[in-house]
Amino acid sequence: MWGTVVERCVRRFVLSVSVTVGAAAILTLPAGTAAAAPVGQVDAGVPFSSVVYGTGCLYDLTVPVNASGQVTFWERNAAGGPEQLIGSAMAEGAIATIRWVPRQMGSRQLYAKQGGVTGPIAVVPVHQGHGSAWACWAV
C-alpha cells in the first residue's frame, strides 16, 4: 500500500518538474521566430503595359515568407541608393501583400524584410505612368 502511494507521489513530482521545465523553456524563447524570412522575391505582378511599371500607377506587391508576422517592403534605385520604406503588412498564409505606387522613374529594387532578414531583390523598370491607380499604363 505505501509503495503505491510513494510511487504516485514520485510520478506526480516528476511530472510537475517536467511541466515546469518545459514551460520555462517555452517562456525563454525569443518573441519572434528567429528564422522568419522572405523566401522569394517581391512580385509586383504583370503591369498593364506588360513591359514596364508606371509612376502614379497602383500595384499589389506580394512576397512569400516562411513565418507569420510583420513584413516590411522596401524600395531603392538600382544603383543601391538609400532605401525607402514602402510599408508593412502582416503575413497571411505564407504570403504578405501591400500596395505600391511608384514615385520615381528608372530601375527600382524591390525587396522585403522579416525577422531581420532581407529577402532576394527584384529589379523592375519604372517609366512615366499615364492615368492613375488601376487604370494606368506606362510607355
Protein backbone atom coordinates (compact mmCIF):
# COMPACT_ATOMS: atom_id res chain seq x y z
CA MET A 1 0.00 0.00 0.00
CA TRP A 2 2.70 2.51 0.94
CA GLY A 3 4.65 1.51 -2.17
CA THR A 4 1.84 2.58 -4.50
CA VAL A 5 1.31 5.86 -2.60
CA VAL A 6 5.03 6.63 -2.78
CA GLU A 7 5.12 5.69 -6.48
CA ARG A 8 2.19 8.02 -7.21
CA CYS A 9 3.85 10.87 -5.32
CA VAL A 10 7.13 10.34 -7.18
CA ARG A 11 5.28 10.26 -10.55
CA ARG A 12 3.43 13.48 -9.71
CA PHE A 13 6.67 15.14 -8.64
CA VAL A 14 8.48 14.07 -11.83
CA LEU A 15 5.52 15.18 -13.95
CA SER A 16 5.30 18.59 -12.26
CA VAL A 17 9.06 19.13 -12.64
CA SER A 18 8.83 18.17 -16.33
CA VAL A 19 5.95 20.58 -16.92
CA THR A 20 7.75 23.37 -15.08
CA VAL A 21 10.98 22.87 -17.05
CA GLY A 22 9.04 22.71 -20.35
CA ALA A 23 7.11 25.90 -19.55
CA ALA A 24 10.31 27.69 -18.55
CA ALA A 25 11.93 26.67 -21.84
CA ILE A 26 8.97 28.00 -23.82
CA LEU A 27 8.91 31.28 -21.90
CA THR A 28 12.60 31.91 -22.55
CA LEU A 29 12.23 31.65 -26.33
CA PRO A 30 12.59 34.94 -28.25
CA ALA A 31 9.36 36.80 -29.05
CA GLY A 32 9.60 36.35 -32.83
CA THR A 33 10.70 33.41 -34.87
CA ALA A 34 14.41 33.91 -35.45
CA ALA A 35 14.16 32.03 -38.74
CA ALA A 36 11.32 34.19 -40.09
CA ALA A 37 12.34 35.43 -43.52
CA PRO A 38 11.16 36.21 -47.02
CA VAL A 39 11.74 33.12 -49.14
CA GLY A 40 11.36 34.68 -52.57
CA GLN A 41 11.47 37.93 -54.49
CA VAL A 42 8.85 40.61 -54.20
CA ASP A 43 6.41 40.19 -57.08
CA ALA A 44 4.73 43.31 -58.42
CA GLY A 45 2.51 41.34 -60.79
CA VAL A 46 2.20 41.94 -64.50
CA PRO A 47 1.89 45.64 -65.30
CA PHE A 48 -0.94 46.75 -67.56
CA SER A 49 1.63 47.62 -70.23
CA SER A 50 3.18 44.12 -69.75
CA VAL A 51 6.67 45.62 -70.06
CA VAL A 52 7.22 48.39 -67.52
CA TYR A 53 5.64 49.84 -64.40
CA GLY A 54 4.36 53.42 -64.32
CA THR A 55 4.74 56.25 -61.85
CA GLY A 56 1.45 57.00 -60.15
CA CYS A 57 0.07 53.56 -61.02
CA LEU A 58 -1.11 51.12 -58.36
CA TYR A 59 0.34 47.61 -57.97
CA ASP A 60 0.00 44.84 -55.39
CA LEU A 61 3.38 43.66 -54.15
CA THR A 62 3.47 40.14 -52.77
CA VAL A 63 6.27 38.12 -51.21
CA PRO A 64 6.35 34.53 -49.97
CA VAL A 65 7.53 34.16 -46.36
CA ASN A 66 8.22 31.19 -44.13
CA ALA A 67 6.55 32.50 -40.96
CA SER A 68 3.64 34.62 -39.85
CA GLY A 69 4.34 38.10 -38.56
CA GLN A 70 5.09 41.55 -39.85
CA VAL A 71 6.87 42.02 -43.17
CA THR A 72 8.26 45.35 -44.37
CA PHE A 73 8.57 46.25 -48.05
CA TRP A 74 11.41 48.43 -49.31
CA GLU A 75 12.45 50.19 -52.49
CA ARG A 76 15.65 51.88 -53.72
CA ASN A 77 17.22 52.82 -57.02
CA ALA A 78 19.17 50.14 -58.87
CA ALA A 79 22.46 51.85 -58.03
CA GLY A 80 21.80 50.95 -54.40
CA GLY A 81 20.81 54.40 -53.14
CA PRO A 82 19.08 54.99 -49.82
CA GLU A 83 16.26 52.60 -49.09
CA GLN A 84 12.71 53.87 -48.81
CA LEU A 85 10.05 52.13 -46.75
CA ILE A 86 7.00 51.32 -48.87
CA GLY A 87 5.05 49.98 -45.89
CA SER A 88 4.41 46.90 -43.81
CA ALA A 89 1.89 44.08 -43.77
CA MET A 90 1.14 41.00 -41.71
CA ALA A 91 1.86 37.72 -43.48
CA GLU A 92 -1.21 35.57 -44.05
CA GLY A 93 -0.94 32.06 -45.40
CA ALA A 94 2.81 32.36 -46.10
CA ILE A 95 2.24 35.49 -48.24
CA ALA A 96 2.50 39.17 -47.39
CA THR A 97 0.85 41.76 -49.66
CA ILE A 98 0.96 45.54 -49.81
CA ARG A 99 0.01 48.22 -52.35
CA TRP A 100 2.77 50.12 -54.14
CA VAL A 101 2.64 53.34 -56.16
CA PRO A 102 5.99 54.01 -57.88
CA ARG A 103 7.07 57.62 -57.42
CA GLN A 104 10.43 57.63 -59.22
CA MET A 105 11.38 56.55 -62.73
CA GLY A 106 14.29 54.24 -63.51
CA SER A 107 15.27 50.76 -62.47
CA ARG A 108 13.97 50.16 -58.95
CA GLN A 109 14.98 47.46 -56.50
CA LEU A 110 12.11 45.96 -54.50
CA TYR A 111 12.66 43.70 -51.51
CA ALA A 112 11.09 42.61 -48.26
CA LYS A 113 12.39 42.13 -44.72
CA GLN A 114 11.08 39.87 -41.99
CA GLY A 115 12.70 38.84 -38.74
CA GLY A 116 15.75 40.97 -39.52
CA VAL A 117 16.36 39.08 -42.77
CA THR A 118 16.31 40.76 -46.18
CA GLY A 119 14.86 38.68 -49.00
CA PRO A 120 16.05 38.47 -52.60
CA ILE A 121 15.95 41.69 -54.63
CA ALA A 122 13.68 42.14 -57.65
CA VAL A 123 14.66 44.83 -60.17
CA VAL A 124 11.75 46.42 -62.03
CA PRO A 125 11.73 49.17 -64.69
CA VAL A 126 9.58 52.21 -63.88
CA HIS A 127 8.63 54.71 -66.61
CA GLN A 128 6.25 57.65 -66.74
CA GLY A 129 2.74 56.48 -65.85
CA HIS A 130 -0.36 57.69 -67.68
CA GLY A 131 -3.67 57.58 -65.85
CA SER A 132 -3.93 56.67 -62.18
CA ALA A 133 -4.40 53.76 -59.81
CA TRP A 134 -5.52 50.59 -61.66
CA ALA A 135 -6.44 52.44 -64.86
CA CYS A 136 -2.84 53.33 -65.54
CA TRP A 137 -0.19 52.35 -68.08
CA ALA A 138 3.42 53.17 -68.78
CA VAL A 139 5.34 53.56 -72.01
